[in-house]
Amino acid sequence: MAIKSLSIRIEQEMLDKLHVVADYEGRSANSQILILIRDCIEQYEEKHGKIELGGDKKS
């Protein structure tokens, strides 16, 4: 699986708070974001069913 890069715009205060949470959890901000995304997808799939991806996605 290829690792992709994603750029986001985020307010400074929110970024600072993300760093506080990540530091508390002993993670980098990047790792913390990946965990939050994973948890979001898991919650979505619990409610709506497994997301099936087909074909070669190039996003």
N, C-alpha and C. Protein backbone atom coordinates (compact mmCIF):
# COMPACT_ATOMS: atom_id res chain seq x y z
N MET A 1 0.85 -1.18 0.00
CA MET A 1 0.00 0.00 0.00
C MET A 1 0.90 1.24 0.00
N ALA A 2 0.63 2.13 -0.92
CA ALA A 2 1.41 3.36 -1.03
C ALA A 2 1.02 4.33 0.08
N ILE A 3 1.99 5.08 0.55
CA ILE A 3 1.73 6.13 1.53
C ILE A 3 1.56 7.43 0.75
N LYS A 4 0.44 8.09 0.97
CA LYS A 4 0.13 9.35 0.30
C LYS A 4 0.30 10.50 1.28
N SER A 5 0.49 11.66 0.75
CA SER A 5 0.62 12.88 1.54
C SER A 5 -0.66 13.70 1.37
N LEU A 6 -1.10 14.33 2.45
CA LEU A 6 -2.30 15.15 2.43
C LEU A 6 -2.01 16.46 3.15
N SER A 7 -2.31 17.55 2.50
CA SER A 7 -2.10 18.87 3.09
C SER A 7 -3.45 19.38 3.59
N ILE A 8 -3.47 19.95 4.79
CA ILE A 8 -4.72 20.52 5.32
C ILE A 8 -4.47 21.94 5.81
N ARG A 9 -5.52 22.71 5.86
CA ARG A 9 -5.49 24.03 6.46
C ARG A 9 -6.10 23.89 7.84
N ILE A 10 -5.42 24.45 8.85
CA ILE A 10 -5.89 24.31 10.22
C ILE A 10 -5.54 25.57 10.98
N GLU A 11 -6.47 26.02 11.81
CA GLU A 11 -6.21 27.21 12.63
C GLU A 11 -5.10 26.91 13.62
N GLN A 12 -4.31 27.92 13.93
CA GLN A 12 -3.16 27.74 14.82
C GLN A 12 -3.57 27.19 16.18
N GLU A 13 -4.67 27.69 16.74
CA GLU A 13 -5.11 27.22 18.06
C GLU A 13 -5.45 25.73 18.04
N MET A 14 -6.13 25.29 16.98
CA MET A 14 -6.48 23.88 16.87
C MET A 14 -5.22 23.02 16.70
N LEU A 15 -4.27 23.50 15.92
CA LEU A 15 -3.01 22.79 15.74
C LEU A 15 -2.25 22.68 17.06
N ASP A 16 -2.21 23.77 17.80
CA ASP A 16 -1.54 23.75 19.10
C ASP A 16 -2.19 22.74 20.04
N LYS A 17 -3.52 22.70 20.04
CA LYS A 17 -4.23 21.75 20.90
C LYS A 17 -4.00 20.31 20.44
N LEU A 18 -3.93 20.10 19.13
CA LEU A 18 -3.61 18.77 18.61
C LEU A 18 -2.25 18.31 19.12
N HIS A 19 -1.28 19.20 19.11
CA HIS A 19 0.05 18.85 19.60
C HIS A 19 0.02 18.51 21.09
N VAL A 20 -0.78 19.21 21.88
CA VAL A 20 -0.91 18.89 23.30
C VAL A 20 -1.46 17.48 23.48
N VAL A 21 -2.52 17.15 22.74
CA VAL A 21 -3.13 15.82 22.83
C VAL A 21 -2.15 14.75 22.37
N ALA A 22 -1.49 15.00 21.26
CA ALA A 22 -0.52 14.03 20.73
C ALA A 22 0.62 13.81 21.71
N ASP A 23 1.15 14.88 22.29
CA ASP A 23 2.22 14.75 23.28
C ASP A 23 1.75 13.94 24.48
N TYR A 24 0.54 14.20 24.94
CA TYR A 24 -0.01 13.47 26.08
C TYR A 24 -0.09 11.97 25.77
N GLU A 25 -0.46 11.64 24.55
CA GLU A 25 -0.60 10.25 24.14
C GLU A 25 0.74 9.63 23.73
N GLY A 26 1.81 10.44 23.71
CA GLY A 26 3.12 9.94 23.33
C GLY A 26 3.26 9.69 21.83
N ARG A 27 2.58 10.50 21.06
CA ARG A 27 2.57 10.33 19.60
C ARG A 27 2.97 11.63 18.92
N SER A 28 3.33 11.51 17.65
CA SER A 28 3.50 12.70 16.82
C SER A 28 2.12 13.20 16.42
N ALA A 29 2.07 14.43 15.96
CA ALA A 29 0.79 14.97 15.48
C ALA A 29 0.28 14.14 14.30
N ASN A 30 1.18 13.72 13.42
CA ASN A 30 0.80 12.91 12.27
C ASN A 30 0.17 11.59 12.73
N SER A 31 0.80 10.91 13.67
CA SER A 31 0.26 9.64 14.17
C SER A 31 -1.09 9.85 14.84
N GLN A 32 -1.23 10.94 15.57
CA GLN A 32 -2.50 11.22 16.23
C GLN A 32 -3.60 11.44 15.20
N ILE A 33 -3.30 12.16 14.14
CA ILE A 33 -4.29 12.39 13.07
C ILE A 33 -4.68 11.08 12.42
N LEU A 34 -3.72 10.21 12.16
CA LEU A 34 -4.03 8.90 11.55
C LEU A 34 -4.95 8.07 12.45
N ILE A 35 -4.72 8.13 13.75
CA ILE A 35 -5.58 7.39 14.68
C ILE A 35 -6.99 7.98 14.67
N LEU A 36 -7.10 9.30 14.64
CA LEU A 36 -8.42 9.93 14.60
C LEU A 36 -9.16 9.57 13.32
N ILE A 37 -8.45 9.55 12.20
CA ILE A 37 -9.07 9.17 10.93
C ILE A 37 -9.51 7.71 10.97
N ARG A 38 -8.65 6.83 11.47
CA ARG A 38 -9.00 5.40 11.57
C ARG A 38 -10.24 5.21 12.43
N ASP A 39 -10.28 5.90 13.59
CA ASP A 39 -11.44 5.78 14.48
C ASP A 39 -12.71 6.29 13.81
N CYS A 40 -12.60 7.36 13.05
CA CYS A 40 -13.75 7.91 12.33
C CYS A 40 -14.28 6.91 11.31
N ILE A 41 -13.38 6.29 10.56
CA ILE A 41 -13.78 5.30 9.55
C ILE A 41 -14.42 4.10 10.22
N GLU A 42 -13.85 3.63 11.33
CA GLU A 42 -14.44 2.49 12.06
C GLU A 42 -15.85 2.81 12.53
N GLN A 43 -16.06 4.02 13.06
CA GLN A 43 -17.39 4.41 13.51
C GLN A 43 -18.37 4.48 12.34
N TYR A 44 -17.92 5.01 11.22
CA TYR A 44 -18.77 5.09 10.03
C TYR A 44 -19.17 3.69 9.59
N GLU A 45 -18.20 2.79 9.53
CA GLU A 45 -18.48 1.42 9.06
C GLU A 45 -19.38 0.67 10.04
N GLU A 46 -19.26 0.93 11.33
CA GLU A 46 -20.17 0.30 12.29
C GLU A 46 -21.61 0.72 12.04
N LYS A 47 -21.81 1.96 11.67
CA LYS A 47 -23.15 2.49 11.44
C LYS A 47 -23.68 2.16 10.05
N HIS A 48 -22.80 2.22 9.03
CA HIS A 48 -23.26 2.13 7.64
C HIS A 48 -22.79 0.89 6.90
N GLY A 49 -21.97 0.07 7.52
CA GLY A 49 -21.43 -1.10 6.84
C GLY A 49 -20.05 -0.83 6.27
N LYS A 50 -19.36 -1.90 5.97
CA LYS A 50 -18.00 -1.81 5.48
C LYS A 50 -17.93 -1.02 4.17
N ILE A 51 -16.95 -0.16 4.08
CA ILE A 51 -16.71 0.60 2.86
C ILE A 51 -15.95 -0.30 1.91
N GLU A 52 -16.54 -0.56 0.77
CA GLU A 52 -15.90 -1.40 -0.25
C GLU A 52 -15.27 -0.50 -1.30
N LEU A 53 -13.98 -0.65 -1.50
CA LEU A 53 -13.28 0.12 -2.52
C LEU A 53 -13.03 -0.77 -3.71
N GLY A 54 -13.34 -0.28 -4.88
CA GLY A 54 -13.15 -1.08 -6.08
C GLY A 54 -12.21 -0.40 -7.03
N GLY A 55 -11.48 -1.21 -7.75
CA GLY A 55 -10.61 -0.68 -8.80
C GLY A 55 -9.39 0.01 -8.24
N ASP A 56 -8.73 0.73 -9.09
CA ASP A 56 -7.49 1.43 -8.77
C ASP A 56 -7.79 2.88 -8.46
N LYS A 57 -7.86 3.23 -7.18
CA LYS A 57 -8.13 4.60 -6.76
C LYS A 57 -6.85 5.42 -6.84
N LYS A 58 -6.94 6.61 -7.41
CA LYS A 58 -5.77 7.47 -7.55
C LYS A 58 -6.02 8.81 -6.89
N SER A 59 -6.51 8.81 -5.67
CA SER A 59 -6.81 10.07 -4.98
C SER A 59 -5.69 10.48 -4.07
